[in-house]
Amino acid sequence: TESMPEGHLMGVALAYSSESTPIAVLRLRDVAATKYARVDAR
């Protein structure tokens, strides 16, 4: 598309609770962060 305004970037993110996060979910987050090495959007 042409003439797209700034700030239209988006994507797929891993969402999880910021409190009392199960360790297994943190392991999934770690693998995902290593796999993609993307922008931190916590």
ModelCIF file with pLDDT and N, C-alpha, C, O atoms, coordinates in Angstrom:
data_MODEL
#
_entry.id   MODEL 
#
_entity.id                         1 
_entity.type                       polymer 
_entity.pdbx_number_of_molecules   1 
#
_entity_poly.entity_id                      1 
_entity_poly.type                           'polypeptide(L)' 
_entity_poly.nstd_linkage                   no 
_entity_poly.nstd_monomer                   no 
_entity_poly.pdbx_seq_one_letter_code       TESMPEGHLMGVALAYSSESTPIAVLRLRDVAATKYARVDAR 
_entity_poly.pdbx_seq_one_letter_code_can   TESMPEGHLMGVALAYSSESTPIAVLRLRDVAATKYARVDAR 
_entity_poly.pdbx_strand_id                 A 
#
loop_
_entity_poly_seq.entity_id 
_entity_poly_seq.num 
_entity_poly_seq.mon_id 
_entity_poly_seq.hetero 
1 1  THR n 
1 2  GLU n 
1 3  SER n 
1 4  MET n 
1 5  PRO n 
1 6  GLU n 
1 7  GLY n 
1 8  HIS n 
1 9  LEU n 
1 10 MET n 
1 11 GLY n 
1 12 VAL n 
1 13 ALA n 
1 14 LEU n 
1 15 ALA n 
1 16 TYR n 
1 17 SER n 
1 18 SER n 
1 19 GLU n 
1 20 SER n 
1 21 THR n 
1 22 PRO n 
1 23 ILE n 
1 24 ALA n 
1 25 VAL n 
1 26 LEU n 
1 27 ARG n 
1 28 LEU n 
1 29 ARG n 
1 30 ASP n 
1 31 VAL n 
1 32 ALA n 
1 33 ALA n 
1 34 THR n 
1 35 LYS n 
1 36 TYR n 
1 37 ALA n 
1 38 ARG n 
1 39 VAL n 
1 40 ASP n 
1 41 ALA n 
1 42 ARG n 
#
_struct_asym.id          A 
_struct_asym.entity_id   1 
#
loop_
_ma_qa_metric.id 
_ma_qa_metric.mode 
_ma_qa_metric.name 
_ma_qa_metric.software_group_id 
_ma_qa_metric.type 
1 global pLDDT . pLDDT 
2 local  pLDDT . pLDDT 
#
_ma_qa_metric_global.metric_id      1 
_ma_qa_metric_global.metric_value   75.43 
_ma_qa_metric_global.model_id       1 
_ma_qa_metric_global.ordinal_id     1 
#
loop_
_ma_qa_metric_local.label_asym_id 
_ma_qa_metric_local.label_comp_id 
_ma_qa_metric_local.label_seq_id 
_ma_qa_metric_local.metric_id 
_ma_qa_metric_local.metric_value 
_ma_qa_metric_local.model_id 
_ma_qa_metric_local.ordinal_id 
A THR 1  2 86.00 1 1  
A GLU 2  2 75.00 1 2  
A SER 3  2 61.00 1 3  
A MET 4  2 61.00 1 4  
A PRO 5  2 59.00 1 5  
A GLU 6  2 61.00 1 6  
A GLY 7  2 55.00 1 7  
A HIS 8  2 58.00 1 8  
A LEU 9  2 62.00 1 9  
A MET 10 2 80.00 1 10 
A GLY 11 2 85.00 1 11 
A VAL 12 2 90.00 1 12 
A ALA 13 2 91.00 1 13 
A LEU 14 2 94.00 1 14 
A ALA 15 2 94.00 1 15 
A TYR 16 2 93.00 1 16 
A SER 17 2 89.00 1 17 
A SER 18 2 83.00 1 18 
A GLU 19 2 81.00 1 19 
A SER 20 2 77.00 1 20 
A THR 21 2 84.00 1 21 
A PRO 22 2 85.00 1 22 
A ILE 23 2 88.00 1 23 
A ALA 24 2 89.00 1 24 
A VAL 25 2 92.00 1 25 
A LEU 26 2 91.00 1 26 
A ARG 27 2 91.00 1 27 
A LEU 28 2 93.00 1 28 
A ARG 29 2 92.00 1 29 
A ASP 30 2 90.00 1 30 
A VAL 31 2 92.00 1 31 
A ALA 32 2 89.00 1 32 
A ALA 33 2 84.00 1 33 
A THR 34 2 82.00 1 34 
A LYS 35 2 75.00 1 35 
A TYR 36 2 70.00 1 36 
A ALA 37 2 52.00 1 37 
A ARG 38 2 45.00 1 38 
A VAL 39 2 39.00 1 39 
A ASP 40 2 38.00 1 40 
A ALA 41 2 36.00 1 41 
A ARG 42 2 36.00 1 42 
#
loop_
_atom_site.group_PDB 
_atom_site.id 
_atom_site.type_symbol 
_atom_site.label_atom_id 
_atom_site.label_alt_id 
_atom_site.label_comp_id 
_atom_site.label_asym_id 
_atom_site.label_entity_id 
_atom_site.label_seq_id 
_atom_site.pdbx_PDB_ins_code 
_atom_site.Cartn_x 
_atom_site.Cartn_y 
_atom_site.Cartn_z 
_atom_site.occupancy 
_atom_site.B_iso_or_equiv 
_atom_site.pdbx_formal_charge 
_atom_site.auth_seq_id 
_atom_site.auth_comp_id 
_atom_site.auth_asym_id 
_atom_site.auth_atom_id 
_atom_site.pdbx_PDB_model_num 
ATOM 1   N N  . THR A 1 1  ? 0.827  -1.200  0.000  1.00 86.00 ? 1  THR A N  1 
ATOM 2   C CA . THR A 1 1  ? 0.000  0.000   0.000  1.00 86.00 ? 1  THR A CA 1 
ATOM 3   C C  . THR A 1 1  ? 0.862  1.250   0.000  1.00 86.00 ? 1  THR A C  1 
ATOM 4   O O  . THR A 1 1  ? 1.948  1.267   0.578  1.00 86.00 ? 1  THR A O  1 
ATOM 5   N N  . GLU A 1 2  ? 0.380  2.275   -0.639 1.00 75.00 ? 2  GLU A N  1 
ATOM 6   C CA . GLU A 1 2  ? 1.045  3.566   -0.653 1.00 75.00 ? 2  GLU A CA 1 
ATOM 7   C C  . GLU A 1 2  ? 0.346  4.508   0.315  1.00 75.00 ? 2  GLU A C  1 
ATOM 8   O O  . GLU A 1 2  ? -0.818 4.314   0.665  1.00 75.00 ? 2  GLU A O  1 
ATOM 9   N N  . SER A 1 3  ? 1.082  5.535   0.741  1.00 61.00 ? 3  SER A N  1 
ATOM 10  C CA . SER A 1 3  ? 0.527  6.595   1.589  1.00 61.00 ? 3  SER A CA 1 
ATOM 11  C C  . SER A 1 3  ? 0.043  6.064   2.934  1.00 61.00 ? 3  SER A C  1 
ATOM 12  O O  . SER A 1 3  ? -0.892 6.612   3.518  1.00 61.00 ? 3  SER A O  1 
ATOM 13  N N  . MET A 1 4  ? 0.679  4.993   3.432  1.00 61.00 ? 4  MET A N  1 
ATOM 14  C CA . MET A 1 4  ? 0.300  4.487   4.756  1.00 61.00 ? 4  MET A CA 1 
ATOM 15  C C  . MET A 1 4  ? 0.889  5.388   5.831  1.00 61.00 ? 4  MET A C  1 
ATOM 16  O O  . MET A 1 4  ? 2.084  5.678   5.781  1.00 61.00 ? 4  MET A O  1 
ATOM 17  N N  . PRO A 1 5  ? 0.108  5.837   6.794  1.00 59.00 ? 5  PRO A N  1 
ATOM 18  C CA . PRO A 1 5  ? 0.638  6.676   7.873  1.00 59.00 ? 5  PRO A CA 1 
ATOM 19  C C  . PRO A 1 5  ? 1.681  5.922   8.699  1.00 59.00 ? 5  PRO A C  1 
ATOM 20  O O  . PRO A 1 5  ? 1.737  4.693   8.672  1.00 59.00 ? 5  PRO A O  1 
ATOM 21  N N  . GLU A 1 6  ? 2.492  6.661   9.421  1.00 61.00 ? 6  GLU A N  1 
ATOM 22  C CA . GLU A 1 6  ? 3.487  6.055   10.295 1.00 61.00 ? 6  GLU A CA 1 
ATOM 23  C C  . GLU A 1 6  ? 2.800  5.321   11.443 1.00 61.00 ? 6  GLU A C  1 
ATOM 24  O O  . GLU A 1 6  ? 1.690  5.661   11.851 1.00 61.00 ? 6  GLU A O  1 
ATOM 25  N N  . GLY A 1 7  ? 3.500  4.296   11.954 1.00 55.00 ? 7  GLY A N  1 
ATOM 26  C CA . GLY A 1 7  ? 3.019  3.610   13.143 1.00 55.00 ? 7  GLY A CA 1 
ATOM 27  C C  . GLY A 1 7  ? 2.035  2.500   12.892 1.00 55.00 ? 7  GLY A C  1 
ATOM 28  O O  . GLY A 1 7  ? 1.236  2.173   13.770 1.00 55.00 ? 7  GLY A O  1 
ATOM 29  N N  . HIS A 1 8  ? 2.073  1.895   11.682 1.00 58.00 ? 8  HIS A N  1 
ATOM 30  C CA . HIS A 1 8  ? 1.118  0.826   11.414 1.00 58.00 ? 8  HIS A CA 1 
ATOM 31  C C  . HIS A 1 8  ? 1.728  -0.561  11.565 1.00 58.00 ? 8  HIS A C  1 
ATOM 32  O O  . HIS A 1 8  ? 1.109  -1.555  11.184 1.00 58.00 ? 8  HIS A O  1 
ATOM 33  N N  . LEU A 1 9  ? 2.956  -0.638  12.126 1.00 62.00 ? 9  LEU A N  1 
ATOM 34  C CA . LEU A 1 9  ? 3.559  -1.950  12.371 1.00 62.00 ? 9  LEU A CA 1 
ATOM 35  C C  . LEU A 1 9  ? 2.765  -2.711  13.429 1.00 62.00 ? 9  LEU A C  1 
ATOM 36  O O  . LEU A 1 9  ? 2.215  -2.123  14.360 1.00 62.00 ? 9  LEU A O  1 
ATOM 37  N N  . MET A 1 10 ? 2.721  -4.008  13.265 1.00 80.00 ? 10 MET A N  1 
ATOM 38  C CA . MET A 1 10 ? 1.989  -4.849  14.202 1.00 80.00 ? 10 MET A CA 1 
ATOM 39  C C  . MET A 1 10 ? 2.654  -6.209  14.200 1.00 80.00 ? 10 MET A C  1 
ATOM 40  O O  . MET A 1 10 ? 3.746  -6.360  13.651 1.00 80.00 ? 10 MET A O  1 
ATOM 41  N N  . GLY A 1 11 ? 2.015  -7.206  14.805 1.00 85.00 ? 11 GLY A N  1 
ATOM 42  C CA . GLY A 1 11 ? 2.611  -8.531  14.790 1.00 85.00 ? 11 GLY A CA 1 
ATOM 43  C C  . GLY A 1 11 ? 1.889  -9.500  15.700 1.00 85.00 ? 11 GLY A C  1 
ATOM 44  O O  . GLY A 1 11 ? 0.787  -9.229  16.179 1.00 85.00 ? 11 GLY A O  1 
ATOM 45  N N  . VAL A 1 12 ? 2.539  -10.650 15.931 1.00 90.00 ? 12 VAL A N  1 
ATOM 46  C CA . VAL A 1 12 ? 2.020  -11.679 16.829 1.00 90.00 ? 12 VAL A CA 1 
ATOM 47  C C  . VAL A 1 12 ? 2.883  -11.670 18.088 1.00 90.00 ? 12 VAL A C  1 
ATOM 48  O O  . VAL A 1 12 ? 4.111  -11.657 18.008 1.00 90.00 ? 12 VAL A O  1 
ATOM 49  N N  . ALA A 1 13 ? 2.238  -11.678 19.237 1.00 91.00 ? 13 ALA A N  1 
ATOM 50  C CA . ALA A 1 13 ? 2.966  -11.619 20.513 1.00 91.00 ? 13 ALA A CA 1 
ATOM 51  C C  . ALA A 1 13 ? 2.529  -12.758 21.422 1.00 91.00 ? 13 ALA A C  1 
ATOM 52  O O  . ALA A 1 13 ? 1.414  -13.268 21.316 1.00 91.00 ? 13 ALA A O  1 
ATOM 53  N N  . LEU A 1 14 ? 3.431  -13.143 22.317 1.00 94.00 ? 14 LEU A N  1 
ATOM 54  C CA . LEU A 1 14 ? 3.107  -14.076 23.381 1.00 94.00 ? 14 LEU A CA 1 
ATOM 55  C C  . LEU A 1 14 ? 2.596  -13.265 24.566 1.00 94.00 ? 14 LEU A C  1 
ATOM 56  O O  . LEU A 1 14 ? 3.315  -12.423 25.104 1.00 94.00 ? 14 LEU A O  1 
ATOM 57  N N  . ALA A 1 15 ? 1.357  -13.517 24.971 1.00 94.00 ? 15 ALA A N  1 
ATOM 58  C CA . ALA A 1 15 ? 0.764  -12.811 26.109 1.00 94.00 ? 15 ALA A CA 1 
ATOM 59  C C  . ALA A 1 15 ? 0.694  -13.752 27.304 1.00 94.00 ? 15 ALA A C  1 
ATOM 60  O O  . ALA A 1 15 ? 0.395  -14.937 27.153 1.00 94.00 ? 15 ALA A O  1 
ATOM 61  N N  . TYR A 1 16 ? 0.971  -13.223 28.489 1.00 93.00 ? 16 TYR A N  1 
ATOM 62  C CA . TYR A 1 16 ? 0.927  -14.020 29.709 1.00 93.00 ? 16 TYR A CA 1 
ATOM 63  C C  . TYR A 1 16 ? 0.729  -13.087 30.899 1.00 93.00 ? 16 TYR A C  1 
ATOM 64  O O  . TYR A 1 16 ? 0.892  -11.872 30.784 1.00 93.00 ? 16 TYR A O  1 
ATOM 65  N N  . SER A 1 17 ? 0.380  -13.662 32.028 1.00 89.00 ? 17 SER A N  1 
ATOM 66  C CA . SER A 1 17 ? 0.151  -12.853 33.215 1.00 89.00 ? 17 SER A CA 1 
ATOM 67  C C  . SER A 1 17 ? 1.461  -12.243 33.699 1.00 89.00 ? 17 SER A C  1 
ATOM 68  O O  . SER A 1 17 ? 2.497  -12.908 33.731 1.00 89.00 ? 17 SER A O  1 
ATOM 69  N N  . SER A 1 18 ? 1.401  -10.981 34.072 1.00 83.00 ? 18 SER A N  1 
ATOM 70  C CA . SER A 1 18 ? 2.604  -10.322 34.583 1.00 83.00 ? 18 SER A CA 1 
ATOM 71  C C  . SER A 1 18 ? 2.823  -10.607 36.064 1.00 83.00 ? 18 SER A C  1 
ATOM 72  O O  . SER A 1 18 ? 3.833  -10.197 36.636 1.00 83.00 ? 18 SER A O  1 
ATOM 73  N N  . GLU A 1 19 ? 1.866  -11.316 36.690 1.00 81.00 ? 19 GLU A N  1 
ATOM 74  C CA . GLU A 1 19 ? 1.976  -11.659 38.104 1.00 81.00 ? 19 GLU A CA 1 
ATOM 75  C C  . GLU A 1 19 ? 1.811  -13.167 38.285 1.00 81.00 ? 19 GLU A C  1 
ATOM 76  O O  . GLU A 1 19 ? 0.974  -13.781 37.622 1.00 81.00 ? 19 GLU A O  1 
ATOM 77  N N  . SER A 1 20 ? 2.587  -13.757 39.159 1.00 77.00 ? 20 SER A N  1 
ATOM 78  C CA . SER A 1 20 ? 2.506  -15.186 39.476 1.00 77.00 ? 20 SER A CA 1 
ATOM 79  C C  . SER A 1 20 ? 2.554  -16.043 38.208 1.00 77.00 ? 20 SER A C  1 
ATOM 80  O O  . SER A 1 20 ? 1.736  -16.945 38.027 1.00 77.00 ? 20 SER A O  1 
ATOM 81  N N  . THR A 1 21 ? 3.506  -15.756 37.349 1.00 84.00 ? 21 THR A N  1 
ATOM 82  C CA . THR A 1 21 ? 3.624  -16.490 36.095 1.00 84.00 ? 21 THR A CA 1 
ATOM 83  C C  . THR A 1 21 ? 4.217  -17.871 36.348 1.00 84.00 ? 21 THR A C  1 
ATOM 84  O O  . THR A 1 21 ? 5.286  -17.969 36.951 1.00 84.00 ? 21 THR A O  1 
ATOM 85  N N  . PRO A 1 22 ? 3.547  -18.958 35.901 1.00 85.00 ? 22 PRO A N  1 
ATOM 86  C CA . PRO A 1 22 ? 4.107  -20.306 36.067 1.00 85.00 ? 22 PRO A CA 1 
ATOM 87  C C  . PRO A 1 22 ? 5.485  -20.410 35.415 1.00 85.00 ? 22 PRO A C  1 
ATOM 88  O O  . PRO A 1 22 ? 5.732  -19.810 34.369 1.00 85.00 ? 22 PRO A O  1 
ATOM 89  N N  . ILE A 1 23 ? 6.367  -21.167 36.034 1.00 88.00 ? 23 ILE A N  1 
ATOM 90  C CA . ILE A 1 23 ? 7.725  -21.297 35.509 1.00 88.00 ? 23 ILE A CA 1 
ATOM 91  C C  . ILE A 1 23 ? 7.703  -21.880 34.104 1.00 88.00 ? 23 ILE A C  1 
ATOM 92  O O  . ILE A 1 23 ? 8.519  -21.497 33.265 1.00 88.00 ? 23 ILE A O  1 
ATOM 93  N N  . ALA A 1 24 ? 6.768  -22.815 33.833 1.00 89.00 ? 24 ALA A N  1 
ATOM 94  C CA . ALA A 1 24 ? 6.703  -23.409 32.497 1.00 89.00 ? 24 ALA A CA 1 
ATOM 95  C C  . ALA A 1 24 ? 6.418  -22.345 31.441 1.00 89.00 ? 24 ALA A C  1 
ATOM 96  O O  . ALA A 1 24 ? 6.950  -22.420 30.334 1.00 89.00 ? 24 ALA A O  1 
ATOM 97  N N  . VAL A 1 25 ? 5.583  -21.353 31.768 1.00 92.00 ? 25 VAL A N  1 
ATOM 98  C CA . VAL A 1 25 ? 5.290  -20.275 30.824 1.00 92.00 ? 25 VAL A CA 1 
ATOM 99  C C  . VAL A 1 25 ? 6.526  -19.407 30.609 1.00 92.00 ? 25 VAL A C  1 
ATOM 100 O O  . VAL A 1 25 ? 6.773  -18.939 29.498 1.00 92.00 ? 25 VAL A O  1 
ATOM 101 N N  . LEU A 1 26 ? 7.291  -19.196 31.657 1.00 91.00 ? 26 LEU A N  1 
ATOM 102 C CA . LEU A 1 26 ? 8.540  -18.442 31.509 1.00 91.00 ? 26 LEU A CA 1 
ATOM 103 C C  . LEU A 1 26 ? 9.516  -19.175 30.599 1.00 91.00 ? 26 LEU A C  1 
ATOM 104 O O  . LEU A 1 26 ? 10.267 -18.547 29.852 1.00 91.00 ? 26 LEU A O  1 
ATOM 105 N N  . ARG A 1 27 ? 9.505  -20.504 30.662 1.00 91.00 ? 27 ARG A N  1 
ATOM 106 C CA . ARG A 1 27 ? 10.361 -21.281 29.764 1.00 91.00 ? 27 ARG A CA 1 
ATOM 107 C C  . ARG A 1 27 ? 9.902  -21.111 28.316 1.00 91.00 ? 27 ARG A C  1 
ATOM 108 O O  . ARG A 1 27 ? 10.728 -21.009 27.409 1.00 91.00 ? 27 ARG A O  1 
ATOM 109 N N  . LEU A 1 28 ? 8.582  -21.079 28.099 1.00 93.00 ? 28 LEU A N  1 
ATOM 110 C CA . LEU A 1 28 ? 8.052  -20.844 26.759 1.00 93.00 ? 28 LEU A CA 1 
ATOM 111 C C  . LEU A 1 28 ? 8.445  -19.459 26.277 1.00 93.00 ? 28 LEU A C  1 
ATOM 112 O O  . LEU A 1 28 ? 8.816  -19.282 25.117 1.00 93.00 ? 28 LEU A O  1 
ATOM 113 N N  . ARG A 1 29 ? 8.364  -18.484 27.159 1.00 92.00 ? 29 ARG A N  1 
ATOM 114 C CA . ARG A 1 29 ? 8.778  -17.123 26.804 1.00 92.00 ? 29 ARG A CA 1 
ATOM 115 C C  . ARG A 1 29 ? 10.247 -17.070 26.429 1.00 92.00 ? 29 ARG A C  1 
ATOM 116 O O  . ARG A 1 29 ? 10.621 -16.408 25.461 1.00 92.00 ? 29 ARG A O  1 
ATOM 117 N N  . ASP A 1 30 ? 11.089 -17.771 27.197 1.00 90.00 ? 30 ASP A N  1 
ATOM 118 C CA . ASP A 1 30 ? 12.517 -17.769 26.922 1.00 90.00 ? 30 ASP A CA 1 
ATOM 119 C C  . ASP A 1 30 ? 12.830 -18.384 25.563 1.00 90.00 ? 30 ASP A C  1 
ATOM 120 O O  . ASP A 1 30 ? 13.653 -17.862 24.811 1.00 90.00 ? 30 ASP A O  1 
ATOM 121 N N  . VAL A 1 31 ? 12.164 -19.505 25.251 1.00 92.00 ? 31 VAL A N  1 
ATOM 122 C CA . VAL A 1 31 ? 12.383 -20.149 23.953 1.00 92.00 ? 31 VAL A CA 1 
ATOM 123 C C  . VAL A 1 31 ? 11.914 -19.231 22.833 1.00 92.00 ? 31 VAL A C  1 
ATOM 124 O O  . VAL A 1 31 ? 12.583 -19.101 21.808 1.00 92.00 ? 31 VAL A O  1 
ATOM 125 N N  . ALA A 1 32 ? 10.755 -18.592 23.035 1.00 89.00 ? 32 ALA A N  1 
ATOM 126 C CA . ALA A 1 32 ? 10.221 -17.688 22.018 1.00 89.00 ? 32 ALA A CA 1 
ATOM 127 C C  . ALA A 1 32 ? 11.151 -16.496 21.803 1.00 89.00 ? 32 ALA A C  1 
ATOM 128 O O  . ALA A 1 32 ? 11.395 -16.097 20.664 1.00 89.00 ? 32 ALA A O  1 
ATOM 129 N N  . ALA A 1 33 ? 11.667 -15.930 22.886 1.00 84.00 ? 33 ALA A N  1 
ATOM 130 C CA . ALA A 1 33 ? 12.556 -14.778 22.773 1.00 84.00 ? 33 ALA A CA 1 
ATOM 131 C C  . ALA A 1 33 ? 13.844 -15.157 22.048 1.00 84.00 ? 33 ALA A C  1 
ATOM 132 O O  . ALA A 1 33 ? 14.363 -14.380 21.247 1.00 84.00 ? 33 ALA A O  1 
ATOM 133 N N  . THR A 1 34 ? 14.359 -16.361 22.334 1.00 82.00 ? 34 THR A N  1 
ATOM 134 C CA . THR A 1 34 ? 15.575 -16.830 21.677 1.00 82.00 ? 34 THR A CA 1 
ATOM 135 C C  . THR A 1 34 ? 15.317 -17.141 20.210 1.00 82.00 ? 34 THR A C  1 
ATOM 136 O O  . THR A 1 34 ? 16.148 -16.857 19.348 1.00 82.00 ? 34 THR A O  1 
ATOM 137 N N  . LYS A 1 35 ? 14.162 -17.724 19.939 1.00 75.00 ? 35 LYS A N  1 
ATOM 138 C CA . LYS A 1 35 ? 13.820 -18.135 18.577 1.00 75.00 ? 35 LYS A CA 1 
ATOM 139 C C  . LYS A 1 35 ? 13.661 -16.943 17.660 1.00 75.00 ? 35 LYS A C  1 
ATOM 140 O O  . LYS A 1 35 ? 14.074 -16.981 16.501 1.00 75.00 ? 35 LYS A O  1 
ATOM 141 N N  . TYR A 1 36 ? 13.055 -15.872 18.183 1.00 70.00 ? 36 TYR A N  1 
ATOM 142 C CA . TYR A 1 36 ? 12.727 -14.742 17.324 1.00 70.00 ? 36 TYR A CA 1 
ATOM 143 C C  . TYR A 1 36 ? 13.618 -13.527 17.537 1.00 70.00 ? 36 TYR A C  1 
ATOM 144 O O  . TYR A 1 36 ? 13.843 -12.750 16.609 1.00 70.00 ? 36 TYR A O  1 
ATOM 145 N N  . ALA A 1 37 ? 14.131 -13.358 18.768 1.00 52.00 ? 37 ALA A N  1 
ATOM 146 C CA . ALA A 1 37 ? 14.999 -12.212 19.086 1.00 52.00 ? 37 ALA A CA 1 
ATOM 147 C C  . ALA A 1 37 ? 14.364 -10.921 18.584 1.00 52.00 ? 37 ALA A C  1 
ATOM 148 O O  . ALA A 1 37 ? 15.004 -10.103 17.923 1.00 52.00 ? 37 ALA A O  1 
ATOM 149 N N  . ARG A 1 38 ? 13.079 -10.764 18.922 1.00 45.00 ? 38 ARG A N  1 
ATOM 150 C CA . ARG A 1 38 ? 12.335 -9.600  18.438 1.00 45.00 ? 38 ARG A CA 1 
ATOM 151 C C  . ARG A 1 38 ? 12.352 -8.476  19.458 1.00 45.00 ? 38 ARG A C  1 
ATOM 152 O O  . ARG A 1 38 ? 13.039 -8.547  20.477 1.00 45.00 ? 38 ARG A O  1 
ATOM 153 N N  . VAL A 1 39 ? 11.586 -7.444  19.166 1.00 39.00 ? 39 VAL A N  1 
ATOM 154 C CA . VAL A 1 39 ? 11.478 -6.281  20.045 1.00 39.00 ? 39 VAL A CA 1 
ATOM 155 C C  . VAL A 1 39 ? 10.793 -6.684  21.330 1.00 39.00 ? 39 VAL A C  1 
ATOM 156 O O  . VAL A 1 39 ? 9.804  -7.415  21.294 1.00 39.00 ? 39 VAL A O  1 
ATOM 157 N N  . ASP A 1 40 ? 11.292 -6.227  22.464 1.00 38.00 ? 40 ASP A N  1 
ATOM 158 C CA . ASP A 1 40 ? 10.653 -6.507  23.745 1.00 38.00 ? 40 ASP A CA 1 
ATOM 159 C C  . ASP A 1 40 ? 9.426  -5.626  23.887 1.00 38.00 ? 40 ASP A C  1 
ATOM 160 O O  . ASP A 1 40 ? 9.528  -4.399  23.877 1.00 38.00 ? 40 ASP A O  1 
ATOM 161 N N  . ALA A 1 41 ? 8.264  -6.255  24.020 1.00 36.00 ? 41 ALA A N  1 
ATOM 162 C CA . ALA A 1 41 ? 7.022  -5.483  24.103 1.00 36.00 ? 41 ALA A CA 1 
ATOM 163 C C  . ALA A 1 41 ? 6.245  -5.903  25.346 1.00 36.00 ? 41 ALA A C  1 
ATOM 164 O O  . ALA A 1 41 ? 5.037  -6.126  25.273 1.00 36.00 ? 41 ALA A O  1 
ATOM 165 N N  . ARG A 1 42 ? 6.918  -6.011  26.474 1.00 36.00 ? 42 ARG A N  1 
ATOM 166 C CA . ARG A 1 42 ? 6.264  -6.495  27.673 1.00 36.00 ? 42 ARG A CA 1 
ATOM 167 C C  . ARG A 1 42 ? 5.392  -5.461  28.348 1.00 36.00 ? 42 ARG A C  1 
ATOM 168 O O  . ARG A 1 42 ? 4.780  -5.747  29.377 1.00 36.00 ? 42 ARG A O  1 
#
